[in-house]
Protein backbone atom coordinates (compact mmCIF):
# COMPACT_ATOMS: atom_id res chain seq x y z
CA MET A 1 38.09 16.22 -1.94
CA GLN A 2 40.71 14.70 -4.03
CA THR A 3 39.59 13.53 -7.92
CA ALA A 4 41.07 11.25 -10.45
CA GLU A 5 42.80 14.16 -12.34
CA ARG A 6 44.61 15.24 -8.92
CA LEU A 7 45.61 11.62 -8.05
CA VAL A 8 46.82 10.81 -11.40
CA ASP A 9 49.04 12.90 -13.29
CA ALA A 10 49.08 13.33 -16.98
CA ALA A 11 52.34 11.49 -17.51
CA VAL A 12 50.79 8.46 -15.91
CA VAL A 13 47.46 8.52 -17.64
CA GLU A 14 49.45 8.32 -21.02
CA ARG A 15 51.49 5.50 -19.73
CA LEU A 16 48.31 3.61 -18.90
CA ARG A 17 46.83 4.46 -22.19
CA GLN A 18 49.97 3.17 -24.08
CA ALA A 19 50.11 0.10 -22.03
CA ALA A 20 46.35 -0.78 -22.79
CA GLN A 21 46.95 -0.31 -26.18
CA ASP A 22 50.20 -2.59 -26.04
CA LEU A 23 48.16 -5.28 -24.26
CA GLU A 24 45.12 -5.18 -26.98
CA GLY A 25 46.04 -8.51 -28.41
CA GLU A 26 46.48 -10.13 -24.76
CA THR A 27 42.83 -8.79 -23.73
CA VAL A 28 41.41 -10.22 -26.94
CA ALA A 29 42.94 -13.54 -26.51
CA LEU A 30 41.97 -13.73 -22.90
CA THR A 31 38.23 -12.76 -23.76
CA GLN A 32 38.24 -15.34 -26.48
CA GLU A 33 39.70 -18.15 -24.00
CA LEU A 34 37.02 -17.36 -21.38
CA VAL A 35 33.92 -17.12 -23.99
CA ARG A 36 35.00 -20.55 -25.41
CA ILE A 37 34.27 -22.27 -22.00
CA PRO A 38 30.50 -22.53 -22.02
CA THR A 39 29.73 -21.42 -18.36
CA GLU A 40 26.02 -21.63 -18.96
CA ASN A 41 24.26 -21.35 -15.47
CA PRO A 42 23.20 -24.86 -14.53
CA LYS A 43 20.13 -23.38 -12.76
CA LEU A 44 19.03 -22.16 -16.20
CA THR A 45 19.97 -25.22 -18.34
CA LYS A 46 20.23 -29.05 -17.93
CA MET A 47 24.08 -28.89 -18.15
CA PRO A 48 25.92 -30.32 -15.12
CA ALA A 49 28.49 -28.16 -13.23
CA GLY A 50 31.95 -28.18 -14.26
CA ALA A 51 32.51 -25.53 -16.92
CA GLU A 52 32.55 -22.58 -14.42
CA ALA A 53 35.52 -24.62 -12.47
CA GLU A 54 37.33 -24.87 -15.74
CA CYS A 55 36.85 -21.13 -16.42
CA GLN A 56 37.82 -20.22 -12.83
CA ASP A 57 41.23 -22.35 -13.28
CA VAL A 58 42.13 -20.00 -16.05
CA ILE A 59 41.06 -16.73 -14.16
CA GLU A 60 43.04 -17.90 -10.98
CA ALA A 61 45.93 -18.46 -12.84
CA ARG A 62 45.80 -15.12 -14.21
CA PHE A 63 45.16 -13.57 -10.77
CA ARG A 64 48.53 -15.53 -9.56
CA ALA A 65 50.51 -14.06 -12.54
CA LEU A 66 49.55 -10.60 -11.37
CA GLY A 67 51.05 -11.34 -7.91
CA CYS A 68 47.68 -11.76 -6.17
CA THR A 69 47.15 -14.23 -3.19
CA THR A 70 44.27 -16.40 -4.02
CA GLU A 71 41.24 -17.99 -2.19
CA ARG A 72 38.74 -20.39 -3.89
CA TRP A 73 35.81 -22.21 -2.70
CA ASP A 74 32.54 -24.04 -3.89
CA VAL A 75 29.63 -21.68 -3.62
CA TYR A 76 27.57 -25.08 -5.04
CA PRO A 77 29.36 -28.21 -5.79
CA GLY A 78 31.50 -27.88 -8.82
CA ARG A 79 30.61 -24.18 -9.03
CA PRO A 80 33.65 -22.13 -7.41
CA ASP A 81 34.34 -18.51 -6.70
CA VAL A 82 37.84 -17.18 -6.86
CA VAL A 83 39.11 -14.24 -5.10
CA GLY A 84 42.74 -12.64 -5.87
CA THR A 85 44.15 -10.06 -3.72
CA LEU A 86 47.05 -7.62 -4.66
CA GLN A 87 48.53 -5.90 -1.83
CA GLY A 88 49.50 -2.39 -2.40
CA GLU A 89 52.24 -0.37 -0.56
CA ARG A 90 49.83 1.05 1.86
CA GLY A 91 50.61 4.17 3.97
CA GLU A 92 49.06 7.75 3.41
CA GLY A 93 46.35 8.01 1.09
CA ALA A 94 45.77 4.40 0.25
CA ARG A 95 42.62 3.14 -0.26
CA SER A 96 41.22 -0.47 -0.93
CA LEU A 97 39.42 -1.36 -4.08
CA ILE A 98 37.10 -4.35 -5.02
CA LEU A 99 36.66 -5.21 -8.69
CA ASN A 100 33.92 -7.61 -9.28
CA GLY A 101 32.67 -9.53 -12.05
CA HIS A 102 30.68 -13.02 -12.70
CA ILE A 103 31.55 -15.74 -14.98
CA ASP A 104 28.00 -17.69 -15.50
CA VAL A 105 26.13 -16.93 -18.54
CA VAL A 106 22.40 -17.54 -19.81
CA PRO A 107 21.81 -20.21 -22.12
CA GLY A 108 23.38 -19.97 -25.44
CA GLY A 109 20.04 -20.80 -27.13
CA ASP A 110 19.62 -22.06 -30.61
CA PRO A 111 22.91 -22.03 -32.66
CA ALA A 112 21.06 -21.65 -35.81
CA ALA A 113 19.80 -18.24 -34.71
CA TRP A 114 23.42 -17.00 -34.45
CA THR A 115 25.54 -15.86 -37.21
CA TYR A 116 28.57 -17.22 -35.47
CA PRO A 117 28.53 -20.19 -33.03
CA PRO A 118 27.83 -19.04 -29.59
CA PHE A 119 30.83 -20.33 -28.00
CA ALA A 120 33.29 -20.09 -30.84
CA ALA A 121 34.41 -16.42 -29.86
CA GLU A 122 34.94 -15.43 -33.41
CA ILE A 123 36.37 -12.09 -34.49
CA ALA A 124 34.54 -10.29 -37.15
CA ASP A 125 33.84 -6.72 -37.88
CA GLY A 126 36.13 -5.49 -35.19
CA LYS A 127 34.19 -7.39 -32.55
CA ILE A 128 34.19 -10.66 -30.56
CA TRP A 129 31.10 -12.48 -30.91
CA GLY A 130 29.72 -15.30 -28.42
CA ARG A 131 27.69 -15.86 -25.48
CA GLY A 132 29.04 -13.93 -22.53
CA ALA A 133 31.24 -11.76 -24.80
CA VAL A 134 29.86 -8.57 -23.11
CA ASP A 135 27.98 -10.12 -20.25
CA MET A 136 30.40 -10.47 -18.81
CA LYS A 137 33.83 -12.34 -20.04
CA GLY A 138 34.98 -9.29 -21.98
CA PRO A 139 34.77 -6.95 -19.05
CA ILE A 140 36.12 -9.86 -16.54
CA ALA A 141 39.37 -9.77 -19.22
CA ALA A 142 39.61 -6.09 -19.33
CA MET A 143 39.50 -6.27 -15.30
CA ILE A 144 42.33 -8.51 -15.23
CA VAL A 145 44.41 -6.89 -17.86
CA ALA A 146 43.86 -3.25 -16.28
CA ILE A 147 46.04 -4.54 -13.68
CA GLU A 148 48.74 -5.85 -15.72
CA ALA A 149 48.79 -2.54 -17.56
CA ILE A 150 49.28 -0.76 -14.33
CA GLN A 151 52.24 -3.18 -13.80
CA ARG A 152 53.64 -2.76 -17.27
CA ALA A 153 53.52 0.92 -16.90
CA GLY A 154 55.58 0.79 -13.82
CA ILE A 155 53.27 2.40 -11.50
CA ARG A 156 53.08 1.16 -7.93
CA LEU A 157 49.73 1.23 -6.02
CA LEU A 158 49.16 2.28 -2.60
CA GLY A 159 46.00 0.54 -1.86
CA ASP A 160 44.95 -3.12 -2.14
CA VAL A 161 43.15 -4.55 -5.22
CA ILE A 162 40.69 -7.40 -4.67
CA LEU A 163 39.81 -9.00 -7.74
CA GLU A 164 36.37 -11.27 -7.51
CA SER A 165 35.39 -13.72 -10.18
CA VAL A 166 31.98 -15.20 -8.97
CA VAL A 167 29.17 -17.55 -10.09
CA ASP A 168 25.45 -17.64 -10.10
CA GLU A 169 24.87 -13.92 -10.59
CA GLU A 170 22.53 -14.91 -13.45
CA ALA A 171 20.38 -16.55 -11.41
CA GLY A 172 20.46 -14.09 -8.51
CA GLY A 173 22.52 -16.53 -6.41
CA PRO A 174 25.23 -16.09 -3.57
CA GLY A 175 28.26 -15.85 -5.39
CA THR A 176 29.02 -12.31 -4.38
CA SER A 177 27.34 -12.36 -1.21
CA GLN A 178 29.86 -15.30 0.00
CA THR A 179 32.76 -13.06 -0.83
CA VAL A 180 31.62 -10.83 1.90
CA GLU A 181 30.92 -13.71 4.04
CA HIS A 182 34.65 -14.88 3.53
CA GLY A 183 35.77 -11.54 4.78
CA TYR A 184 36.64 -9.56 1.56
CA ARG A 185 35.73 -5.96 2.16
CA ALA A 186 37.25 -2.62 0.76
CA ASP A 187 36.80 1.03 0.91
CA ALA A 188 34.80 0.98 -2.43
CA ALA A 189 33.83 -1.42 -5.19
CA ILE A 190 33.42 -1.43 -8.81
CA VAL A 191 31.32 -4.09 -10.48
CA VAL A 192 32.53 -4.16 -14.07
CA GLU A 193 29.38 -5.12 -15.82
CA PRO A 194 29.07 -3.22 -19.39
CA THR A 195 27.86 0.06 -19.13
CA ASP A 196 29.38 1.50 -22.22
CA PHE A 197 31.50 3.52 -19.82
CA VAL A 198 28.44 5.25 -18.01
CA VAL A 199 28.91 5.64 -14.32
CA GLN A 200 25.97 3.95 -12.55
CA PRO A 201 26.29 4.66 -8.85
CA VAL A 202 22.68 3.48 -8.00
CA GLU A 203 20.46 0.55 -8.74
CA GLY A 204 17.05 -0.31 -7.35
CA GLY A 205 15.94 -3.17 -5.28
CA LEU A 206 14.26 -6.16 -6.82
CA GLU A 207 11.99 -8.73 -5.16
CA TRP A 208 10.52 -12.04 -6.50
CA LEU A 209 7.16 -12.96 -4.55
CA ARG A 210 4.40 -15.26 -4.76
CA VAL A 211 0.76 -14.41 -3.75
CA VAL A 212 -1.34 -17.53 -3.10
CA VAL A 213 -5.04 -17.28 -3.28
CA ARG A 214 -7.05 -20.26 -1.91
CA GLY A 215 -10.62 -21.08 -2.90
CA ARG A 216 -13.14 -24.06 -2.46
CA SER A 217 -13.27 -27.04 -4.89
CA GLY A 218 -16.17 -28.31 -6.61
CA HIS A 219 -17.72 -29.81 -9.89
CA SER A 220 -17.98 -27.20 -12.81
CA ALA A 221 -21.27 -29.10 -13.63
CA TYR A 222 -22.83 -27.09 -10.71
CA ARG A 223 -21.01 -23.79 -11.32
CA TYR A 224 -24.25 -22.18 -11.80
CA ARG A 225 -25.06 -22.65 -8.10
CA SER A 226 -22.01 -20.63 -6.98
CA VAL A 227 -21.85 -17.81 -9.33
CA HIS A 228 -25.39 -17.02 -10.24
CA ALA A 229 -28.30 -15.28 -8.26
CA GLY A 230 -30.45 -18.00 -6.38
CA GLY A 231 -27.67 -20.50 -6.24
CA GLN A 232 -26.84 -22.34 -3.11
CA GLY A 233 -23.31 -23.81 -4.18
CA THR A 234 -20.32 -23.15 -2.06
CA ALA A 235 -17.39 -23.64 -4.45
CA VAL A 236 -15.19 -20.58 -5.00
CA ASN A 237 -12.87 -20.42 -8.18
CA ALA A 238 -9.42 -19.35 -6.65
CA ILE A 239 -8.19 -18.16 -10.29
CA GLU A 240 -10.98 -16.00 -10.45
CA LYS A 241 -10.34 -14.57 -7.04
CA ALA A 242 -6.58 -14.27 -8.02
CA ALA A 243 -7.61 -12.38 -11.28
CA LYS A 244 -9.07 -9.46 -8.91
CA ILE A 245 -5.63 -9.29 -7.14
CA LEU A 246 -3.87 -9.25 -10.63
CA ALA A 247 -5.82 -6.43 -11.71
CA ALA A 248 -5.46 -4.59 -8.16
CA VAL A 249 -1.59 -5.24 -8.59
CA GLN A 250 -1.84 -3.59 -12.07
CA GLU A 251 -3.35 -0.68 -10.52
CA LEU A 252 -0.46 -0.33 -7.84
CA GLU A 253 2.14 -0.53 -10.64
CA ARG A 254 0.48 2.50 -12.31
CA HIS A 255 0.26 4.49 -9.15
CA TRP A 256 3.81 3.79 -8.15
CA GLY A 257 4.97 4.68 -11.80
CA VAL A 258 3.11 8.14 -11.58
CA HIS A 259 4.22 9.01 -8.04
CA LYS A 260 7.62 7.43 -7.29
CA ARG A 261 10.75 9.03 -9.11
CA HIS A 262 14.54 8.78 -8.76
CA PRO A 263 16.66 11.28 -10.58
CA LEU A 264 19.12 8.78 -12.09
CA LEU A 265 16.35 6.48 -13.26
CA PRO A 266 13.55 6.56 -15.82
CA ALA A 267 9.91 7.36 -14.79
CA GLY A 268 7.96 4.29 -14.34
CA ILE A 269 11.13 1.87 -13.34
CA THR A 270 8.85 0.68 -10.31
CA THR A 271 7.13 -2.24 -12.30
CA ILE A 272 5.44 -5.19 -10.87
CA ASN A 273 5.70 -7.93 -13.45
CA PRO A 274 3.28 -10.99 -13.43
CA GLY A 275 5.65 -13.62 -14.69
CA VAL A 276 3.94 -16.73 -13.60
CA ILE A 277 0.33 -17.90 -12.59
CA MET A 278 -0.44 -21.42 -11.92
CA GLY A 279 -4.15 -22.59 -10.93
CA GLY A 280 -5.50 -25.78 -9.94
CA THR A 281 -6.78 -28.30 -7.31
CA GLY A 282 -4.68 -28.96 -4.01
CA GLY A 283 -2.20 -26.86 -2.24
CA GLY A 284 0.97 -26.59 -3.95
CA VAL A 285 4.92 -26.79 -3.64
CA ASP A 286 6.83 -23.87 -4.74
CA GLY A 287 3.48 -22.35 -6.30
CA ILE A 288 2.60 -25.56 -8.21
CA PRO A 289 -0.91 -26.94 -7.66
CA ASN A 290 -1.20 -30.69 -7.22
CA VAL A 291 -3.47 -31.06 -10.10
CA VAL A 292 -3.53 -28.89 -13.24
CA THR A 293 -5.38 -30.99 -15.59
CA ALA A 294 -8.96 -30.93 -14.05
CA VAL A 295 -10.79 -28.47 -16.05
CA SER A 296 -14.11 -29.80 -14.82
CA THR A 297 -13.40 -28.88 -11.31
CA PHE A 298 -13.42 -25.45 -9.53
CA PRO A 299 -9.58 -24.89 -8.60
CA ASP A 300 -8.93 -24.24 -4.89
CA TYR A 301 -5.54 -22.89 -5.37
CA CYS A 302 -3.84 -20.15 -7.51
CA ALA A 303 -0.44 -18.69 -7.15
CA LEU A 304 0.79 -15.45 -8.75
CA GLU A 305 4.45 -14.97 -9.15
CA LEU A 306 5.60 -11.16 -9.51
CA SER A 307 8.91 -9.35 -10.20
CA MET A 308 8.83 -6.23 -8.18
CA LYS A 309 11.25 -3.42 -8.83
CA TYR A 310 11.62 -0.37 -6.30
CA LEU A 311 13.73 2.52 -6.20
CA PRO A 312 17.27 2.86 -4.58
CA SER A 313 16.06 5.12 -1.85
CA GLU A 314 13.56 2.82 -0.77
CA GLU A 315 13.97 0.39 2.27
CA THR A 316 13.06 -3.25 1.47
CA ALA A 317 10.90 -3.81 4.48
CA ASN A 318 8.88 -0.48 3.90
CA VAL A 319 8.33 -1.57 0.24
CA ARG A 320 7.07 -5.14 1.19
CA ALA A 321 4.83 -3.62 4.11
CA GLU A 322 3.28 -1.04 1.50
CA PHE A 323 2.44 -4.06 -0.75
CA GLU A 324 1.20 -6.35 1.89
CA ASP A 325 -1.13 -3.38 3.24
CA TYR A 326 -2.42 -2.71 -0.26
CA ILE A 327 -3.25 -6.48 -1.09
CA SER A 328 -5.00 -6.57 2.43
CA ARG A 329 -7.16 -3.58 1.71
CA VAL A 330 -7.81 -5.17 -1.77
CA ALA A 331 -8.92 -8.22 -0.30
CA ALA A 332 -11.21 -6.57 2.20
CA THR A 333 -13.52 -5.52 -0.31
CA ASP A 334 -14.14 -9.15 -1.35
CA PRO A 335 -16.43 -11.18 0.92
CA TRP A 336 -14.50 -14.39 0.43
CA LEU A 337 -10.74 -12.79 0.22
CA ARG A 338 -11.77 -10.96 3.27
CA GLU A 339 -12.28 -14.23 5.29
CA HIS A 340 -9.52 -15.95 3.35
CA PRO A 341 -6.70 -13.42 2.80
CA PRO A 342 -4.10 -14.01 0.20
CA GLU A 343 -0.67 -15.40 1.44
CA ILE A 344 2.42 -13.45 0.48
CA GLU A 345 5.88 -15.11 0.04
CA TRP A 346 8.78 -13.05 -0.31
CA GLY A 347 12.07 -13.87 -1.96
CA ILE A 348 11.06 -16.89 -3.99
CA ARG A 349 13.73 -18.68 -5.61
CA GLY A 350 16.21 -16.85 -3.66
CA VAL A 351 15.79 -13.55 -5.56
CA SER A 352 15.83 -10.63 -3.31
CA PHE A 353 18.31 -8.06 -4.30
CA PRO A 354 18.60 -5.06 -2.06
CA PRO A 355 18.91 -1.60 -3.48
CA ALA A 356 22.47 0.35 -3.99
CA GLU A 357 23.05 4.03 -3.88
CA ILE A 358 25.96 6.36 -3.06
CA PRO A 359 25.77 10.10 -2.92
CA MET A 360 26.71 12.04 -6.02
CA ASP A 361 29.59 13.70 -4.28
CA HIS A 362 31.16 10.41 -3.24
CA PRO A 363 34.75 10.34 -4.33
CA LEU A 364 34.30 7.18 -6.23
CA ILE A 365 32.03 8.91 -8.77
CA GLN A 366 34.57 11.56 -9.27
CA VAL A 367 37.34 8.89 -9.92
CA LEU A 368 34.99 6.93 -12.53
CA SER A 369 33.75 10.06 -13.94
CA GLU A 370 37.47 10.99 -14.73
CA ALA A 371 38.31 7.60 -16.27
CA SER A 372 35.19 7.90 -18.25
CA GLU A 373 36.00 11.13 -19.84
CA GLN A 374 39.68 10.07 -20.41
CA ALA A 375 38.42 6.82 -22.27
CA VAL A 376 35.68 8.20 -24.15
CA GLY A 377 36.95 11.65 -24.72
CA ALA A 378 33.67 13.38 -23.73
CA PRO A 379 32.15 14.29 -20.42
CA ALA A 380 31.08 11.59 -18.22
CA VAL A 381 27.49 10.23 -18.11
CA ILE A 382 26.01 9.38 -14.73
CA GLU A 383 22.99 7.29 -14.85
CA GLY A 384 21.10 4.47 -12.88
CA MET A 385 21.29 0.65 -13.67
CA GLU A 386 17.91 -0.10 -14.75
CA ALA A 387 18.39 -3.89 -14.10
CA VAL A 388 20.11 -5.34 -11.03
CA THR A 389 23.62 -6.56 -10.45
CA ASP A 390 25.89 -7.95 -7.93
CA LEU A 391 26.57 -4.38 -6.71
CA ALA A 392 23.39 -5.15 -4.35
CA TRP A 393 25.12 -7.68 -2.11
CA LEU A 394 28.27 -5.39 -1.72
CA ALA A 395 26.06 -2.23 -0.82
CA GLY A 396 24.22 -4.48 1.44
CA ALA A 397 27.49 -5.26 3.36
CA GLY A 398 28.22 -1.40 3.67
CA ILE A 399 30.71 -1.19 0.84
CA PRO A 400 30.09 1.74 -1.27
CA GLY A 401 30.12 0.92 -4.99
CA ALA A 402 29.20 1.62 -8.63
CA ILE A 403 28.71 -0.27 -11.85
CA PHE A 404 31.18 0.72 -14.69
CA GLY A 405 32.69 -1.29 -17.57
CA PRO A 406 33.00 -1.88 -21.05
CA GLY A 407 30.57 -2.91 -23.63
CA LYS A 408 27.02 -2.29 -24.32
CA LEU A 409 24.31 -4.12 -22.48
CA VAL A 410 20.93 -2.92 -24.11
CA GLY A 411 20.02 -4.97 -27.06
CA ASN A 412 22.85 -7.39 -26.80
CA ALA A 413 23.42 -9.16 -23.52
CA HIS A 414 21.33 -12.38 -23.28
CA GLY A 415 20.43 -12.18 -27.13
CA ASP A 416 21.27 -13.85 -30.24
CA ASN A 417 24.62 -12.58 -31.52
CA GLU A 418 26.16 -11.32 -28.48
CA HIS A 419 29.26 -9.40 -28.95
CA ILE A 420 31.82 -6.84 -27.47
CA ALA A 421 33.90 -4.41 -29.67
CA ILE A 422 37.51 -4.83 -29.50
CA ALA A 423 38.20 -1.03 -29.30
CA ASP A 424 35.73 -0.99 -26.31
CA LEU A 425 37.80 -3.58 -24.53
CA THR A 426 40.95 -1.72 -24.94
CA LYS A 427 39.18 1.45 -23.69
CA GLY A 428 37.94 -0.77 -20.90
CA VAL A 429 41.32 -1.85 -19.61
CA PHE A 430 42.59 1.84 -20.00
CA ALA A 431 39.52 3.21 -18.07
CA LEU A 432 39.72 0.53 -15.07
CA ALA A 433 43.32 0.93 -14.78
CA LEU A 434 42.97 4.56 -14.30
CA ALA A 435 40.28 4.08 -11.93
CA VAL A 436 42.19 1.84 -9.74
CA CYS A 437 45.05 4.13 -9.75
CA GLY A 438 42.71 7.30 -9.08
CA TRP A 439 41.25 5.23 -6.16
CA CYS A 440 43.93 3.31 -4.73
CA GLY A 441 46.50 6.08 -4.95
CA VAL A 442 49.95 5.85 -6.73
CA ALA A 443 53.27 5.56 -5.01
CA ALA A 444 55.88 8.34 -5.60
CA GLU A 445 58.59 7.48 -7.99
CA GLY A 446 62.26 7.33 -7.39
């Protein structure tokens, strides 16, 4: 099996390293230009669509400057994806590669909490500061300039490179899945999220779900009739019944944490987080009761919304069935719930990320490991992604992939004073250029 070291000789490695250094100013300028366009995801703010289209204008122009053919379409009105395809020379040994990143960002938050304005992209202390600097405008800039570095170094690729700039990742939306629907596939994919050059070939699945518990309304003045011995009331408090389900879910979470393991992920990663609970009177739309202010009434509706994570090695259908069976058995221990079982809705708000995993001996891991070692100057680290990314949609389409890019995610992304180190951007250009050459193959010179 070929590795990056065999595919890319030492002279080419050094040419790429020098090109990345020479292009550092361009990488910084592009990152700043992208950060200064406030592409806050409209689903997460009250901002109208439009900024993402402006950002994609910049990126599409860069794709074309690289010699790519481009395609652009609206995922939602005014919120486009852009894909650029750079054709290689093909022939023996050629392998195609997708480089994928998203341009939408979470809200900038309170500007007063930032040392520098969230969309100013100011440079200080060797870093670019701003919302999206690390998640993930900087990595997208590194992805683009990596191709330019390959070209500046005079290297001709054998395989095609597909550059994807997508929207709506932060809301779990269809930006990347639509690239697959538009026919973009490759022999492998790299999602250039910030991993600090750690190679991440696996991520678990994620499900948002709603458990609805129904009761029977009644006046709270007569509560004693329904809850104390000797009473003859018929009211049933849906919130109290949902509390039983919530307690049981926490027990299931603890059980999974003890018994479910994956070698590349921390113990206990299979969490079930209760994020929203809404109780009241009347059946609800999207988990919201019709009336939430009638404290004097027994609530007959309660919705518990959960965020469930599961292992890369598990199947979505099996995890859903396991959870449903567990809730059914818990409900069977309660006389009311046995006759009025909880209702479970999966994939609420469109969030249902399938897991992603490739074997440890997959050649893409070897290519990325070599790229990491050359960029960092230390043995590559291979771990699992603890969150979820758009790799899920590529893996779901049968495209083997991994997450690998510049910048530190933990304690940085989504927070105040988000930033990316300029030195990491330059290393990212080099590492991604080397990975592209290692995977796609390099045409013989002369």
